[in-house]
Protein backbone atom coordinates (compact mmCIF):
# COMPACT_ATOMS: atom_id res chain seq x y z
CA MET A 1 19.24 -5.03 2.18
CA TYR A 2 16.68 -2.40 0.74
CA ASP A 3 17.39 1.25 0.38
CA TYR A 4 13.70 1.31 1.02
CA ILE A 5 10.76 -0.31 2.33
CA ILE A 6 7.59 2.30 1.21
CA PHE A 7 4.27 1.80 3.13
CA THR A 8 1.39 3.15 1.18
CA HIS A 9 -2.14 3.52 0.58
CA ILE A 10 -3.36 0.97 -2.30
CA PRO A 11 -1.48 0.20 -5.92
CA VAL A 12 -2.61 2.95 -7.77
CA PHE A 13 -1.18 3.35 -11.14
CA TYR A 14 0.78 6.39 -10.66
CA LYS A 15 2.28 5.28 -7.69
CA VAL A 16 3.10 1.81 -9.25
CA ASN A 17 4.75 3.86 -12.37
CA LEU A 18 6.59 5.83 -9.75
CA TYR A 19 8.19 2.69 -8.05
CA ASN A 20 8.69 0.81 -11.04
CA GLU A 21 11.04 3.90 -11.91
CA LEU A 22 12.39 4.09 -8.71
CA SER A 23 13.40 0.25 -8.41
CA LYS A 24 15.40 0.90 -11.77
CA ASN A 25 18.01 2.96 -8.96
CA PHE A 26 17.45 1.63 -5.34
CA LYS A 27 16.41 -1.69 -4.30
CA ILE A 28 12.48 -1.09 -2.88
CA HIS A 29 10.11 -3.52 -1.17
CA VAL A 30 6.69 -1.52 -1.44
CA VAL A 31 3.81 -2.75 1.32
CA PHE A 32 0.55 -1.77 0.30
CA ILE A 33 -1.88 -1.42 2.75
CA ALA A 34 -4.67 -2.44 1.29
CA ASN A 35 -5.66 -4.19 -2.14
CA GLU A 36 -8.17 -1.48 -3.31
CA THR A 37 -10.63 1.63 -2.39
CA ASP A 38 -13.92 2.39 -2.63
CA GLU A 39 -13.00 5.26 -4.02
CA LYS A 40 -11.58 5.51 -7.19
CA ARG A 41 -11.72 7.42 -10.92
CA SER A 42 -12.17 4.68 -12.76
CA GLN A 43 -11.96 0.46 -13.28
CA ASP A 44 -8.27 0.72 -14.09
CA PHE A 45 -7.29 3.23 -11.87
CA ILE A 46 -5.65 0.33 -9.60
CA ASP A 47 -3.41 -2.18 -11.50
CA LYS A 48 -1.17 -4.82 -10.14
CA ARG A 49 -0.40 -6.13 -13.24
CA ALA A 50 2.54 -3.58 -14.34
CA ILE A 51 4.22 -4.02 -11.20
CA ARG A 52 8.36 -4.51 -11.99
CA PHE A 53 9.60 -4.52 -8.22
CA ASP A 54 9.37 -6.41 -4.48
CA TYR A 55 5.62 -6.10 -2.82
CA THR A 56 3.49 -7.13 -0.39
CA VAL A 57 -0.11 -6.42 0.03
CA VAL A 58 -1.20 -6.42 3.94
CA SER A 59 -4.78 -6.21 3.67
CA GLN A 60 -6.79 -8.21 0.53
CA GLU A 61 -9.90 -5.89 1.52
CA SER A 62 -10.42 -2.41 0.55
CA LEU A 63 -8.72 0.33 2.28
CA GLN A 64 -12.35 1.36 4.36
CA SER A 65 -12.86 -2.50 5.05
CA ARG A 66 -9.25 -3.30 6.10
CA LYS A 67 -8.95 -4.86 10.06
CA ILE A 68 -6.63 -2.68 11.18
CA LEU A 69 -5.52 -5.03 14.06
CA GLN A 70 -4.27 -7.68 11.92
CA ASN A 71 -2.40 -5.18 9.61
CA LEU A 72 -0.63 -3.82 12.38
CA GLN A 73 0.29 -7.25 13.54
CA ALA A 74 1.25 -8.30 9.52
CA ILE A 75 3.70 -5.01 9.25
CA ASN A 76 5.70 -5.76 12.60
CA LYS A 77 6.38 -9.20 10.96
CA ILE A 78 7.28 -7.42 7.86
CA ILE A 79 9.68 -4.78 9.55
CA ARG A 80 11.15 -7.65 11.44
CA ALA A 81 11.80 -9.63 8.68
CA MET A 82 13.67 -7.26 6.92
CA THR A 83 17.25 -5.16 6.55
CA TYR A 84 16.73 -1.75 5.45
CA LYS A 85 18.07 1.63 5.35
CA ARG A 86 15.08 3.78 5.63
CA ILE A 87 11.26 3.57 5.33
CA ILE A 88 8.84 6.01 3.45
CA VAL A 89 5.21 6.23 5.04
CA GLY A 90 2.68 7.90 2.65
CA GLY A 91 1.07 9.96 5.07
CA TRP A 92 0.02 10.75 8.74
CA ASP A 93 -4.01 9.62 7.62
CA LEU A 94 -3.42 5.82 8.91
CA ILE A 95 -3.03 4.23 11.99
CA GLU A 96 -0.44 1.73 10.49
CA PHE A 97 1.62 4.97 9.24
CA TRP A 98 1.69 5.94 12.91
CA TYR A 99 3.07 2.80 14.18
CA LEU A 100 5.57 2.74 11.79
CA VAL A 101 7.06 6.25 12.97
CA PHE A 102 6.59 5.83 16.73
CA PHE A 103 8.17 2.05 16.63
CA ASN A 104 10.87 2.80 13.97
CA THR A 105 14.15 4.89 14.32
CA LYS A 106 13.86 8.33 13.59
CA LYS A 107 16.88 8.88 11.28
CA LYS A 108 15.30 5.94 9.14
CA ASN A 109 12.11 7.54 8.72
CA CYS A 110 10.77 9.42 5.88
CA LEU A 111 7.48 10.68 4.86
CA THR A 112 5.81 11.56 1.74
CA LEU A 113 3.80 14.62 2.00
CA GLU A 114 0.84 15.04 -0.12
CA SER A 115 -1.18 17.39 1.95
CA THR A 116 -1.05 21.21 1.15
CA ILE A 117 -1.35 24.25 3.61
CA LEU A 118 -4.57 25.13 2.16
CA GLU A 119 -6.79 21.77 3.04
CA SER A 120 -4.59 21.11 6.21
CA VAL A 121 -5.49 22.60 10.09
CA THR A 122 -2.02 24.55 11.34
CA SER A 123 -3.41 25.24 14.51
CA GLY A 124 -4.80 23.37 17.51
CA ILE A 125 -5.30 19.89 18.67
CA ARG A 126 -5.18 18.35 15.03
CA ALA A 127 -1.82 20.84 14.37
CA TYR A 128 -0.12 19.28 17.74
CA LEU A 129 -0.63 15.38 16.56
CA LYS A 130 0.80 16.80 13.33
CA LYS A 131 3.98 18.21 14.67
CA LEU A 132 4.04 14.90 16.90
CA PHE A 133 4.28 12.85 13.66
CA LEU A 134 6.76 14.90 11.96
CA SER A 135 8.79 14.73 15.23
CA ARG A 136 9.32 11.05 13.95
CA ILE A 137 10.12 12.28 10.44
CA ASP A 138 14.05 12.91 9.40
CA ARG A 139 13.13 13.53 6.17
CA VAL A 140 10.10 14.45 4.05
CA PHE A 141 9.41 14.36 0.02
CA ALA A 142 7.17 16.97 -0.57
CA SER A 143 4.98 16.92 -3.73
CA GLY A 144 5.43 21.05 -4.34
CA ASN A 145 5.73 24.35 -2.65
CA LEU A 146 2.28 24.51 -1.16
CA HIS A 147 3.15 21.30 0.46
CA LYS A 148 6.35 22.98 1.69
CA GLN A 149 4.56 25.49 3.28
CA LEU A 150 2.45 23.69 5.28
CA LEU A 151 5.91 22.06 6.65
CA MET A 152 6.83 25.68 7.47
CA ALA A 153 3.72 26.04 9.35
CA LEU A 154 3.97 23.29 11.48
CA ASN A 155 7.61 23.96 11.95
CA TYR A 156 9.08 21.21 10.38
CA LYS A 157 13.12 21.18 11.41
CA GLY A 158 14.39 18.19 9.14
CA GLU A 159 15.40 17.66 5.44
CA VAL A 160 12.60 18.64 2.42
CA LYS A 161 13.06 17.40 -1.15
CA ILE A 162 10.73 18.50 -3.61
CA THR A 163 9.40 15.85 -5.83
CA LYS A 164 7.25 18.01 -8.23
CA GLY A 165 4.48 15.24 -8.46
CA VAL A 166 2.69 12.48 -6.43
CA GLY A 167 3.75 9.67 -9.09
CA ILE A 168 3.90 9.02 -12.75
CA ILE A 169 1.32 9.08 -15.35
CA ASN A 170 0.66 6.22 -17.76
CA LYS A 171 2.22 7.70 -21.10
CA PRO A 172 0.67 5.42 -23.88
CA SER A 173 1.92 6.53 -27.72
CA ILE A 174 0.47 9.80 -28.51
CA ASP A 175 -1.32 9.84 -32.16
CA MET A 176 0.75 12.32 -34.38
CA VAL A 177 -1.93 14.60 -35.32
CA THR A 178 -2.57 18.61 -35.62
CA ARG A 179 -4.49 19.69 -33.42
CA ALA A 180 -7.80 21.57 -34.41
CA PRO A 181 -8.07 25.40 -34.22
CA TYR A 182 -9.83 26.75 -30.60
CA SER A 183 -13.25 25.44 -30.61
CA LYS A 184 -14.72 26.20 -27.33
CA ASN A 185 -14.62 22.57 -25.81
CA TYR A 186 -13.60 22.33 -22.32
CA LEU A 187 -13.38 19.20 -19.95
CA TYR A 188 -13.06 18.35 -16.40
CA VAL A 189 -11.74 14.81 -15.26
CA GLY A 190 -12.19 13.96 -11.67
CA ARG A 191 -14.21 13.43 -8.81
CA LEU A 192 -17.79 15.14 -8.63
CA SER A 193 -17.54 16.26 -4.92
CA GLU A 194 -17.86 19.87 -3.06
CA GLU A 195 -14.07 20.53 -3.20
CA LYS A 196 -13.61 20.70 -6.78
CA ASN A 197 -15.84 23.76 -6.89
CA LEU A 198 -18.27 22.28 -9.64
CA ILE A 199 -21.61 24.13 -8.79
CA SER A 200 -19.60 27.44 -9.62
CA LEU A 201 -18.06 26.03 -12.62
CA VAL A 202 -21.55 24.67 -14.19
CA HIS A 203 -22.99 28.19 -13.48
CA ILE A 204 -20.08 29.81 -15.26
CA PHE A 205 -20.42 27.54 -18.48
CA ASN A 206 -24.35 28.05 -18.06
CA ASP A 207 -23.24 31.65 -18.91
CA PHE A 208 -21.37 30.96 -21.79
CA SER A 209 -23.67 29.47 -23.65
CA LYS A 210 -21.39 29.01 -26.70
CA HIS A 211 -18.97 27.03 -25.16
CA ARG A 212 -18.56 23.00 -24.24
CA LEU A 213 -17.95 21.64 -20.90
CA LYS A 214 -17.65 17.73 -20.68
CA VAL A 215 -17.43 16.73 -17.50
CA ILE A 216 -15.75 12.74 -16.79
CA GLY A 217 -15.98 11.21 -13.37
CA THR A 218 -18.90 10.26 -10.75
CA GLY A 219 -19.37 11.27 -7.09
CA PRO A 220 -21.82 12.54 -4.73
CA LEU A 221 -22.82 16.07 -6.25
CA GLU A 222 -23.61 13.93 -9.94
CA GLY A 223 -27.37 14.40 -9.43
CA LYS A 224 -27.75 18.15 -8.19
CA LEU A 225 -24.79 19.20 -11.20
CA LYS A 226 -27.25 17.74 -14.06
CA GLN A 227 -30.36 19.10 -12.41
CA VAL A 228 -28.52 22.87 -12.94
CA ALA A 229 -26.33 22.55 -15.54
CA ASN A 230 -27.53 23.83 -19.22
CA GLU A 231 -27.54 21.52 -22.66
CA ASN A 232 -23.74 22.71 -22.93
CA ILE A 233 -22.59 20.26 -20.48
CA ASN A 234 -22.56 16.92 -21.01
CA PHE A 235 -21.60 14.42 -18.04
CA LEU A 236 -20.23 11.39 -19.51
CA GLY A 237 -19.51 8.93 -16.08
CA GLN A 238 -16.68 7.24 -15.66
CA VAL A 239 -14.12 6.64 -18.29
CA ALA A 240 -10.93 3.65 -18.37
CA ASN A 241 -7.67 5.79 -17.90
CA LYS A 242 -6.78 3.92 -21.38
CA LYS A 243 -9.39 5.98 -23.19
CA LEU A 244 -8.81 9.37 -21.73
CA LYS A 245 -6.50 10.26 -24.31
CA ASN A 246 -8.91 10.95 -26.87
CA PHE A 247 -10.90 13.61 -24.55
CA TYR A 248 -7.59 15.09 -23.78
CA GLN A 249 -6.75 15.16 -27.54
CA LYS A 250 -9.88 16.04 -28.93
CA ASN A 251 -10.75 19.13 -26.42
CA ASP A 252 -9.36 22.57 -26.37
CA PHE A 253 -8.83 22.93 -22.41
CA LEU A 254 -8.62 21.00 -19.20
CA ILE A 255 -10.05 23.06 -16.63
CA LEU A 256 -9.70 22.27 -12.61
CA ALA A 257 -11.28 24.82 -10.61
CA SER A 258 -10.61 23.15 -7.24
CA LEU A 259 -11.05 24.99 -4.14
CA GLN A 260 -8.69 22.53 -2.55
CA GLU A 261 -6.57 20.00 -4.32
CA PRO A 262 -3.49 18.31 -2.75
CA TRP A 263 -2.20 17.77 -6.45
CA GLY A 264 -4.08 17.30 -9.63
CA LEU A 265 -2.61 13.98 -11.95
CA VAL A 266 -4.82 14.99 -14.61
CA VAL A 267 -2.99 18.42 -15.02
CA GLU A 268 0.01 15.96 -15.90
CA GLU A 269 -1.97 14.07 -18.48
CA ALA A 270 -3.43 16.95 -20.43
CA LEU A 271 0.02 18.64 -20.69
CA TYR A 272 1.61 15.36 -21.65
CA PHE A 273 -1.32 14.87 -24.55
CA GLY A 274 -0.52 18.33 -25.61
CA MET A 275 -3.14 20.34 -23.93
CA PRO A 276 -3.31 23.58 -22.33
CA VAL A 277 -4.87 23.62 -18.42
CA ILE A 278 -6.89 26.60 -16.81
CA ILE A 279 -6.04 25.84 -12.99
CA SER A 280 -7.33 26.82 -9.60
CA ASP A 281 -4.02 28.48 -7.65
CA LYS A 282 -5.45 26.33 -4.97
CA CYS A 283 -4.36 23.24 -6.85
CA GLY A 284 -0.76 21.67 -6.15
CA ALA A 285 -0.17 20.83 -9.30
CA SER A 286 -0.80 24.71 -10.62
CA GLU A 287 3.18 25.15 -10.07
CA LEU A 288 3.31 23.38 -13.67
CA ILE A 289 1.24 26.05 -15.05
CA GLU A 290 3.02 29.08 -16.50
CA ASN A 291 0.20 31.59 -17.30
CA SER A 292 -0.18 32.40 -21.17
CA VAL A 293 2.27 29.78 -21.82
CA ASN A 294 1.04 26.19 -20.97
CA GLY A 295 -2.06 27.83 -19.51
CA PHE A 296 -3.63 30.20 -17.04
CA VAL A 297 -3.78 30.28 -12.92
CA PHE A 298 -6.87 31.71 -11.62
CA ASP A 299 -7.68 32.73 -8.07
CA SER A 300 -11.29 33.64 -8.40
CA GLU A 301 -14.39 33.25 -10.36
CA LYS A 302 -14.18 36.48 -11.99
CA GLN A 303 -10.45 35.95 -13.24
CA LEU A 304 -11.66 32.45 -14.56
CA ARG A 305 -14.52 34.16 -16.23
CA GLU A 306 -12.04 36.74 -18.37
CA ILE A 307 -9.57 33.88 -18.86
CA ILE A 308 -12.32 32.01 -20.72
CA GLU A 309 -13.80 34.91 -22.38
CA ARG A 310 -10.53 36.20 -24.01
CA GLN A 311 -9.50 32.63 -25.53
CA ASN A 312 -9.47 32.91 -29.26
CA GLU A 313 -7.75 30.87 -32.42
CA THR A 314 -4.57 33.16 -32.01
CA SER A 315 -4.23 32.58 -28.12
CA TYR A 316 -4.93 29.13 -28.32
CA SER A 317 -2.40 28.55 -30.69
CA GLU A 318 0.40 30.10 -29.18
CA LEU A 319 -0.61 27.84 -25.81
CA LEU A 320 0.01 24.68 -28.09
CA ASP A 321 3.26 26.23 -28.42
CA GLY A 322 4.24 26.31 -24.84
CA VAL A 323 2.89 22.96 -24.02
CA GLY A 324 4.74 21.40 -27.16
CA ASN A 325 8.16 23.22 -24.88
CA PHE A 326 6.79 21.54 -21.81
CA SER A 327 8.51 17.85 -20.83
CA ILE A 328 6.39 15.57 -18.77
CA GLU A 329 9.77 13.46 -19.01
CA LEU A 330 12.00 16.03 -17.41
CA LYS A 331 9.53 16.41 -14.64
CA ASP A 332 9.50 12.57 -13.95
CA LYS A 333 13.03 12.64 -13.78
CA TRP A 334 13.41 15.00 -11.44
CA GLN A 335 10.63 13.44 -9.41
CA VAL A 336 12.89 9.58 -9.12
CA GLU A 337 16.16 11.28 -8.66
CA ALA A 338 14.67 13.52 -5.07
CA TYR A 339 14.82 10.00 -3.51
CA GLY A 340 18.31 9.93 -4.22
């Protein structure tokens, strides 16, 4: 008998890492709804080679191109063929997840919640549908406090466990080198899209002409951003995950100015490699940042400008000490134990 059958979208690396750790403590079977997605950060964002647990891939097509009826038929066979204590569904955004929670016993239903109060509708028909979905859920594994606030707004009465994450990052060996003094080098890693607030970020760095911003990623705003950006802003396109550590170690700050961000795995990656983070309070992962200790959390463009303007070698050195005292390993241990 399995402790958990976990239904999730695709085999992204950080989910695979999490499930590998869970499989050390629990007997699990993971069902990936599809083999890949049309939207990914890099070519090695999806990786089944590291899998160390029982798993099934329902559709060999992309998540966007899958045949839903065939998926439902396949999922029905999987559920009937296995014995299990609980299932976990990875959201409420797929028809497959709705099928599972309504045709399974409620006390066996769990939800992994990665949506927050900030980007989710809490009134009207869409809120009603979420409440209907939650009425079939016995336990929620919520990523953080902004996610728990969404459950409160939707009047969820079941059990809630905070996981402090959405997965586990890759942890390659870290070169034991001393970081260079503060040099006004900033880094953005992620999709180039509206919700990331990149137009505003580019305008800020246009004004701070002696500061440099490196932008890693692609997306629909790429052309527009390049048109308005000054020479101190460099666009590097996609970079493989295994090569990102060079950028985390050779720049001063990761900056994430999103208008909404369910979590922000890049924040964990930056901290792991010893890099302070400047992050919007609209990001789920902002709860990992303590102001003036391992980075800064801002709530407005004005505040972001002030934070950038007042950085110097002394303040940066103090932040490096704070980052050095932050343990990603302890955070990941908490995340795994939340499923106990």
